[in-house]
């Protein structure tokens, strides 16, 4: 899988395989996972809090 090489500096091959198996089970893409992680991080940082 070509995508493996893109994230390999951040995760071990074993972790990438586990992530891909879970993503296949859930039926989403890596992009969906990344979007959710970004939204969670922005919420934690208070980005969506009204000023």
PDB file of N, CA and C in Angstrom:
ATOM      1  N   UNK A   1       0.852  -1.185   0.000  1.00  0.00           N
ATOM      2  CA  UNK A   1       0.000   0.000   0.000  1.00  0.00           C
ATOM      3  C   UNK A   1       0.893   1.242   0.000  1.00  0.00           C
ATOM      4  N   UNK A   2       0.630   2.151  -0.902  1.00  0.00           N
ATOM      5  CA  UNK A   2       1.444   3.359  -1.038  1.00  0.00           C
ATOM      6  C   UNK A   2       1.323   4.277   0.164  1.00  0.00           C
ATOM      7  N   UNK A   3       0.169   4.283   0.797  1.00  0.00           N
ATOM      8  CA  UNK A   3      -0.048   5.171   1.932  1.00  0.00           C
ATOM      9  C   UNK A   3       0.831   4.797   3.112  1.00  0.00           C
ATOM     10  N   UNK A   4       1.213   3.524   3.209  1.00  0.00           N
ATOM     11  CA  UNK A   4       2.063   3.077   4.315  1.00  0.00           C
ATOM     12  C   UNK A   4       3.333   3.906   4.402  1.00  0.00           C
ATOM     13  N   UNK A   5       3.923   4.205   3.269  1.00  0.00           N
ATOM     14  CA  UNK A   5       5.190   4.920   3.255  1.00  0.00           C
ATOM     15  C   UNK A   5       5.041   6.357   3.724  1.00  0.00           C
ATOM     16  N   UNK A   6       3.870   6.940   3.538  1.00  0.00           N
ATOM     17  CA  UNK A   6       3.637   8.323   3.937  1.00  0.00           C
ATOM     18  C   UNK A   6       3.638   8.501   5.451  1.00  0.00           C
ATOM     19  N   UNK A   7       3.130   7.518   6.178  1.00  0.00           N
ATOM     20  CA  UNK A   7       3.048   7.673   7.625  1.00  0.00           C
ATOM     21  C   UNK A   7       4.101   6.858   8.366  1.00  0.00           C
ATOM     22  N   UNK A   8       4.919   6.115   7.634  1.00  0.00           N
ATOM     23  CA  UNK A   8       5.888   5.240   8.290  1.00  0.00           C
ATOM     24  C   UNK A   8       6.888   5.955   9.200  1.00  0.00           C
ATOM     25  N   UNK A   9       7.283   7.214   8.943  1.00  0.00           N
ATOM     26  CA  UNK A   9       8.201   7.861   9.890  1.00  0.00           C
ATOM     27  C   UNK A   9       7.570   8.070  11.274  1.00  0.00           C
ATOM     28  N   UNK A  10       6.251   8.106  11.330  1.00  0.00           N
ATOM     29  CA  UNK A  10       5.550   8.381  12.587  1.00  0.00           C
ATOM     30  C   UNK A  10       5.119   7.111  13.311  1.00  0.00           C
ATOM     31  N   UNK A  11       4.920   6.031  12.568  1.00  0.00           N
ATOM     32  CA  UNK A  11       4.445   4.777  13.150  1.00  0.00           C
ATOM     33  C   UNK A  11       5.317   3.619  12.681  1.00  0.00           C
ATOM     34  N   UNK A  12       5.405   2.593  13.500  1.00  0.00           N
ATOM     35  CA  UNK A  12       6.129   1.396  13.092  1.00  0.00           C
ATOM     36  C   UNK A  12       5.281   0.624  12.079  1.00  0.00           C
ATOM     37  N   UNK A  13       5.899  -0.281  11.369  1.00  0.00           N
ATOM     38  CA  UNK A  13       5.174  -1.078  10.374  1.00  0.00           C
ATOM     39  C   UNK A  13       4.048  -1.870  11.040  1.00  0.00           C
ATOM     40  N   UNK A  14       4.304  -2.363  12.249  1.00  0.00           N
ATOM     41  CA  UNK A  14       3.291  -3.124  12.991  1.00  0.00           C
ATOM     42  C   UNK A  14       2.093  -2.230  13.332  1.00  0.00           C
ATOM     43  N   UNK A  15       2.369  -0.987  13.745  1.00  0.00           N
ATOM     44  CA  UNK A  15       1.293  -0.051  14.067  1.00  0.00           C
ATOM     45  C   UNK A  15       0.486   0.316  12.822  1.00  0.00           C
ATOM     46  N   UNK A  16       1.178   0.519  11.699  1.00  0.00           N
ATOM     47  CA  UNK A  16       0.493   0.866  10.448  1.00  0.00           C
ATOM     48  C   UNK A  16      -0.438  -0.269  10.041  1.00  0.00           C
ATOM     49  N   UNK A  17       0.035  -1.495  10.167  1.00  0.00           N
ATOM     50  CA  UNK A  17      -0.788  -2.653   9.821  1.00  0.00           C
ATOM     51  C   UNK A  17      -2.023  -2.720  10.709  1.00  0.00           C
ATOM     52  N   UNK A  18      -1.854  -2.493  12.007  1.00  0.00           N
ATOM     53  CA  UNK A  18      -2.989  -2.516  12.939  1.00  0.00           C
ATOM     54  C   UNK A  18      -3.986  -1.414  12.618  1.00  0.00           C
ATOM     55  N   UNK A  19      -3.465  -0.208  12.329  1.00  0.00           N
ATOM     56  CA  UNK A  19      -4.335   0.921  11.983  1.00  0.00           C
ATOM     57  C   UNK A  19      -5.132   0.608  10.715  1.00  0.00           C
ATOM     58  N   UNK A  20      -4.453   0.080   9.703  1.00  0.00           N
ATOM     59  CA  UNK A  20      -5.128  -0.235   8.443  1.00  0.00           C
ATOM     60  C   UNK A  20      -6.201  -1.306   8.622  1.00  0.00           C
ATOM     61  N   UNK A  21      -5.937  -2.301   9.449  1.00  0.00           N
ATOM     62  CA  UNK A  21      -6.942  -3.343   9.696  1.00  0.00           C
ATOM     63  C   UNK A  21      -8.171  -2.757  10.372  1.00  0.00           C
ATOM     64  N   UNK A  22      -7.955  -1.861  11.349  1.00  0.00           N
ATOM     65  CA  UNK A  22      -9.088  -1.228  12.018  1.00  0.00           C
ATOM     66  C   UNK A  22      -9.874  -0.333  11.066  1.00  0.00           C
ATOM     67  N   UNK A  23      -9.168   0.417  10.237  1.00  0.00           N
ATOM     68  CA  UNK A  23      -9.823   1.299   9.267  1.00  0.00           C
ATOM     69  C   UNK A  23     -10.653   0.478   8.288  1.00  0.00           C
ATOM     70  N   UNK A  24     -10.107  -0.663   7.834  1.00  0.00           N
ATOM     71  CA  UNK A  24     -10.852  -1.533   6.923  1.00  0.00           C
ATOM     72  C   UNK A  24     -12.106  -2.087   7.593  1.00  0.00           C
ATOM     73  N   UNK A  25     -11.997  -2.430   8.875  1.00  0.00           N
ATOM     74  CA  UNK A  25     -13.147  -2.951   9.622  1.00  0.00           C
ATOM     75  C   UNK A  25     -14.240  -1.903   9.747  1.00  0.00           C
ATOM     76  N   UNK A  26     -13.842  -0.674  10.055  1.00  0.00           N
ATOM     77  CA  UNK A  26     -14.803   0.406  10.268  1.00  0.00           C
ATOM     78  C   UNK A  26     -15.388   0.875   8.942  1.00  0.00           C
ATOM     79  N   UNK A  27     -14.584   0.829   7.892  1.00  0.00           N
ATOM     80  CA  UNK A  27     -15.061   1.237   6.578  1.00  0.00           C
ATOM     81  C   UNK A  27     -14.864   2.713   6.296  1.00  0.00           C
ATOM     82  N   UNK A  28     -13.814   3.291   6.835  1.00  0.00           N
ATOM     83  CA  UNK A  28     -13.514   4.693   6.561  1.00  0.00           C
ATOM     84  C   UNK A  28     -12.121   4.786   5.943  1.00  0.00           C
ATOM     85  N   UNK A  29     -11.701   5.990   5.649  1.00  0.00           N
ATOM     86  CA  UNK A  29     -10.373   6.181   5.074  1.00  0.00           C
ATOM     87  C   UNK A  29      -9.451   6.813   6.106  1.00  0.00           C
ATOM     88  N   UNK A  30      -8.175   6.819   5.801  1.00  0.00           N
ATOM     89  CA  UNK A  30      -7.225   7.499   6.692  1.00  0.00           C
ATOM     90  C   UNK A  30      -7.534   8.982   6.773  1.00  0.00           C
ATOM     91  N   UNK A  31      -7.989   9.555   5.664  1.00  0.00           N
ATOM     92  CA  UNK A  31      -8.322  10.981   5.658  1.00  0.00           C
ATOM     93  C   UNK A  31      -9.439  11.273   6.659  1.00  0.00           C
ATOM     94  N   UNK A  32     -10.425  10.381   6.752  1.00  0.00           N
ATOM     95  CA  UNK A  32     -11.508  10.552   7.726  1.00  0.00           C
ATOM     96  C   UNK A  32     -10.955  10.538   9.148  1.00  0.00           C
ATOM     97  N   UNK A  33     -10.027   9.635   9.405  1.00  0.00           N
ATOM     98  CA  UNK A  33      -9.418   9.524  10.731  1.00  0.00           C
ATOM     99  C   UNK A  33      -8.642  10.797  11.062  1.00  0.00           C
ATOM    100  N   UNK A  34      -7.870  11.287  10.109  1.00  0.00           N
ATOM    101  CA  UNK A  34      -7.075  12.499  10.326  1.00  0.00           C
ATOM    102  C   UNK A  34      -7.985  13.697  10.587  1.00  0.00           C
ATOM    103  N   UNK A  35      -9.068  13.825   9.831  1.00  0.00           N
ATOM    104  CA  UNK A  35     -10.000  14.932  10.041  1.00  0.00           C
ATOM    105  C   UNK A  35     -10.555  14.905  11.458  1.00  0.00           C
ATOM    106  N   UNK A  36     -10.932  13.731  11.935  1.00  0.00           N
ATOM    107  CA  UNK A  36     -11.478  13.620  13.281  1.00  0.00           C
ATOM    108  C   UNK A  36     -10.430  13.984  14.327  1.00  0.00           C
ATOM    109  N   UNK A  37      -9.194  13.544  14.127  1.00  0.00           N
ATOM    110  CA  UNK A  37      -8.132  13.868  15.076  1.00  0.00           C
ATOM    111  C   UNK A  37      -7.870  15.373  15.120  1.00  0.00           C
ATOM    112  N   UNK A  38      -7.910  16.024  13.959  1.00  0.00           N
ATOM    113  CA  UNK A  38      -7.703  17.472  13.900  1.00  0.00           C
ATOM    114  C   UNK A  38      -8.837  18.195  14.636  1.00  0.00           C
ATOM    115  N   UNK A  39     -10.069  17.762  14.415  1.00  0.00           N
ATOM    116  CA  UNK A  39     -11.201  18.390  15.100  1.00  0.00           C
ATOM    117  C   UNK A  39     -11.102  18.215  16.613  1.00  0.00           C
ATOM    118  N   UNK A  40     -10.692  17.042  17.053  1.00  0.00           N
ATOM    119  CA  UNK A  40     -10.524  16.801  18.491  1.00  0.00           C
ATOM    120  C   UNK A  40      -9.452  17.721  19.057  1.00  0.00           C
ATOM    121  N   UNK A  41      -8.322  17.827  18.362  1.00  0.00           N
ATOM    122  CA  UNK A  41      -7.219  18.666  18.839  1.00  0.00           C
ATOM    123  C   UNK A  41      -7.634  20.136  18.881  1.00  0.00           C
ATOM    124  N   UNK A  42      -8.327  20.602  17.855  1.00  0.00           N
ATOM    125  CA  UNK A  42      -8.791  21.992  17.837  1.00  0.00           C
ATOM    126  C   UNK A  42      -9.762  22.264  18.986  1.00  0.00           C
ATOM    127  N   UNK A  43     -10.635  21.318  19.270  1.00  0.00           N
ATOM    128  CA  UNK A  43     -11.569  21.475  20.385  1.00  0.00           C
ATOM    129  C   UNK A  43     -10.811  21.527  21.708  1.00  0.00           C
ATOM    130  N   UNK A  44      -9.793  20.676  21.862  1.00  0.00           N
ATOM    131  CA  UNK A  44      -8.980  20.688  23.081  1.00  0.00           C
ATOM    132  C   UNK A  44      -8.254  22.014  23.262  1.00  0.00           C
ATOM    133  N   UNK A  45      -7.850  22.620  22.152  1.00  0.00           N
ATOM    134  CA  UNK A  45      -7.125  23.885  22.199  1.00  0.00           C
ATOM    135  C   UNK A  45      -8.069  25.075  22.406  1.00  0.00           C
ATOM    136  N   UNK A  46      -9.374  24.821  22.406  1.00  0.00           N
ATOM    137  CA  UNK A  46     -10.334  25.886  22.610  1.00  0.00           C
ATOM    138  C   UNK A  46     -10.623  26.700  21.359  1.00  0.00           C
ATOM    139  N   UNK A  47     -10.301  26.186  20.201  1.00  0.00           N
ATOM    140  CA  UNK A  47     -10.489  26.904  18.941  1.00  0.00           C
ATOM    141  C   UNK A  47     -11.950  27.271  18.693  1.00  0.00           C
ATOM    142  N   UNK A  48     -12.868  26.399  19.145  1.00  0.00           N
ATOM    143  CA  UNK A  48     -14.283  26.619  18.869  1.00  0.00           C
ATOM    144  C   UNK A  48     -14.996  27.384  19.982  1.00  0.00           C
ATOM    145  N   UNK A  49     -14.269  27.749  21.041  1.00  0.00           N
ATOM    146  CA  UNK A  49     -14.865  28.507  22.130  1.00  0.00           C
ATOM    147  C   UNK A  49     -15.187  29.930  21.658  1.00  0.00           C
ATOM    148  N   UNK A  50     -16.339  30.411  22.048  1.00  0.00           N
ATOM    149  CA  UNK A  50     -16.714  31.784  21.680  1.00  0.00           C
ATOM    150  C   UNK A  50     -15.914  32.760  22.523  1.00  0.00           C
ATOM    151  N   UNK A  51     -15.497  33.844  21.882  1.00  0.00           N
ATOM    152  CA  UNK A  51     -14.683  34.845  22.583  1.00  0.00           C
ATOM    153  C   UNK A  51     -15.460  36.079  22.857  1.00  0.00           C
TER     154      UNK A  51
END
